Amino acid sequence: MQSEFDELIDKLETGAFVYVEPSSRMLEFNEYMASCGYSVARLEVVRLRGQGPGRAFEYDYRATTEPGFEEDWQIFLDPQRSAANIRDIVRRALSEGGEYRYLVWAEVPPSEE
């Protein structure tokens, strides 16, 4: 699985997003990204099966320096906080039932030096 995750990280390095499914794989990839120093900059969640298939906007996440997103930006700056945040999002989605596809944009956050 590590080589598969390394391939996904290589794709993220190009600025592209990656699709990750099922949710159990997303949880594993999330932890792997954090262990490599990556934070999720943007996450889109699509419900594939379950109540109301389609885009699950309530679980989307975006880290930006725009006004109103200060807390999300602080989460992004810390890969461990980012991993905890994404873990929480995935678990909340799973608590509704169904299965999801995750569109992930991630990168190594800038240092705060």
Protein backbone atom coordinates (compact mmCIF):
# COMPACT_ATOMS: atom_id res chain seq x y z
CA MET A 1 0.00 0.00 0.00
CA GLN A 2 2.92 2.35 0.69
CA SER A 3 4.00 2.38 -2.98
CA GLU A 4 0.41 3.17 -3.98
CA PHE A 5 0.33 6.04 -1.49
CA ASP A 6 3.71 7.26 -2.75
CA GLU A 7 2.26 7.38 -6.28
CA LEU A 8 -0.66 9.46 -5.01
CA ILE A 9 1.74 11.85 -3.28
CA ASP A 10 3.77 12.13 -6.50
CA LYS A 11 0.58 13.21 -8.25
CA LEU A 12 -0.22 15.71 -5.48
CA GLU A 13 3.27 17.17 -5.96
CA THR A 14 2.23 18.24 -9.47
CA GLY A 15 -0.59 20.34 -8.00
CA ALA A 16 -3.23 17.87 -9.13
CA PHE A 17 -5.88 16.28 -6.96
CA VAL A 18 -6.29 12.57 -6.31
CA TYR A 19 -9.42 10.47 -5.93
CA VAL A 20 -9.44 8.24 -2.88
CA GLU A 21 -12.04 5.62 -2.04
CA PRO A 22 -13.35 3.83 -0.06
CA SER A 23 -13.41 5.70 3.23
CA SER A 24 -11.18 3.14 4.94
CA ARG A 25 -8.47 3.82 2.34
CA MET A 26 -8.94 7.57 2.82
CA LEU A 27 -8.31 7.15 6.54
CA GLU A 28 -5.11 5.19 5.84
CA PHE A 29 -3.90 7.66 3.20
CA ASN A 30 -4.66 10.56 5.52
CA GLU A 31 -2.36 9.12 8.18
CA TYR A 32 0.33 8.38 5.60
CA MET A 33 0.22 11.95 4.28
CA ALA A 34 0.63 13.35 7.79
CA SER A 35 3.57 11.02 8.47
CA CYS A 36 5.21 12.48 5.33
CA GLY A 37 4.53 16.08 6.44
CA TYR A 38 1.55 16.74 4.14
CA SER A 39 -1.65 18.56 5.08
CA VAL A 40 -4.92 18.55 3.20
CA ALA A 41 -5.45 21.92 1.55
CA ARG A 42 -8.80 21.04 0.01
CA LEU A 43 -11.21 18.13 0.28
CA GLU A 44 -14.37 17.48 -1.69
CA VAL A 45 -16.62 14.63 -0.64
CA VAL A 46 -18.97 12.76 -2.96
CA ARG A 47 -21.52 10.29 -1.63
CA LEU A 48 -21.48 7.23 -3.90
CA ARG A 49 -24.04 5.10 -2.07
CA GLY A 50 -26.42 5.76 0.74
CA GLN A 51 -28.98 8.39 1.58
CA GLY A 52 -28.89 11.08 -1.11
CA PRO A 53 -26.00 10.14 -3.43
CA GLY A 54 -24.08 13.11 -4.77
CA ARG A 55 -21.83 15.86 -3.57
CA ALA A 56 -21.76 16.04 0.23
CA PHE A 57 -20.97 19.73 0.61
CA GLU A 58 -21.27 19.60 4.41
CA TYR A 59 -18.01 17.62 4.54
CA ASP A 60 -15.95 19.72 2.13
CA TYR A 61 -12.88 21.48 3.50
CA ARG A 62 -10.71 24.29 2.15
CA ALA A 63 -7.69 25.89 3.77
CA THR A 64 -7.04 29.42 2.59
CA THR A 65 -5.68 32.68 3.94
CA GLU A 66 -8.90 34.47 2.93
CA PRO A 67 -10.81 36.24 5.72
CA GLY A 68 -13.12 33.88 7.58
CA PHE A 69 -10.88 30.83 7.09
CA GLU A 70 -8.24 31.62 9.74
CA GLU A 71 -8.93 28.48 11.78
CA ASP A 72 -8.86 26.25 8.69
CA TRP A 73 -5.52 27.80 7.71
CA GLN A 74 -4.07 27.10 11.16
CA ILE A 75 -5.22 23.48 10.87
CA PHE A 76 -3.55 23.22 7.45
CA LEU A 77 -0.23 24.53 8.81
CA ASP A 78 0.08 21.51 11.14
CA PRO A 79 0.03 18.08 9.41
CA GLN A 80 -1.07 16.33 12.62
CA ARG A 81 -3.98 18.74 13.12
CA SER A 82 -4.85 18.35 9.46
CA ALA A 83 -4.90 14.57 9.82
CA ALA A 84 -7.16 14.81 12.89
CA ASN A 85 -9.49 17.18 11.04
CA ILE A 86 -9.79 14.92 8.00
CA ARG A 87 -10.21 11.85 10.21
CA ASP A 88 -13.12 13.64 11.91
CA ILE A 89 -14.70 14.57 8.57
CA VAL A 90 -14.48 11.00 7.26
CA ARG A 91 -15.90 9.55 10.48
CA ARG A 92 -18.79 12.03 10.50
CA ALA A 93 -19.61 11.11 6.91
CA LEU A 94 -19.45 7.41 7.70
CA SER A 95 -21.78 7.88 10.67
CA GLU A 96 -24.50 8.78 8.15
CA GLY A 97 -23.99 5.49 6.36
CA GLY A 98 -23.16 4.97 2.73
CA GLU A 99 -19.83 5.20 0.97
CA TYR A 100 -17.85 8.16 -0.25
CA ARG A 101 -15.22 9.25 -2.75
CA TYR A 102 -12.75 11.89 -1.63
CA LEU A 103 -11.09 14.39 -3.94
CA VAL A 104 -7.92 15.45 -2.15
CA TRP A 105 -5.49 18.30 -2.73
CA ALA A 106 -2.60 18.22 -0.29
CA GLU A 107 0.86 19.66 0.10
CA VAL A 108 3.60 20.24 2.62
CA PRO A 109 2.51 23.42 4.40
CA PRO A 110 4.78 26.44 4.37
CA SER A 111 6.93 26.87 7.45
CA GLU A 112 6.01 29.71 9.78
CA GLU A 113 9.56 30.96 10.10
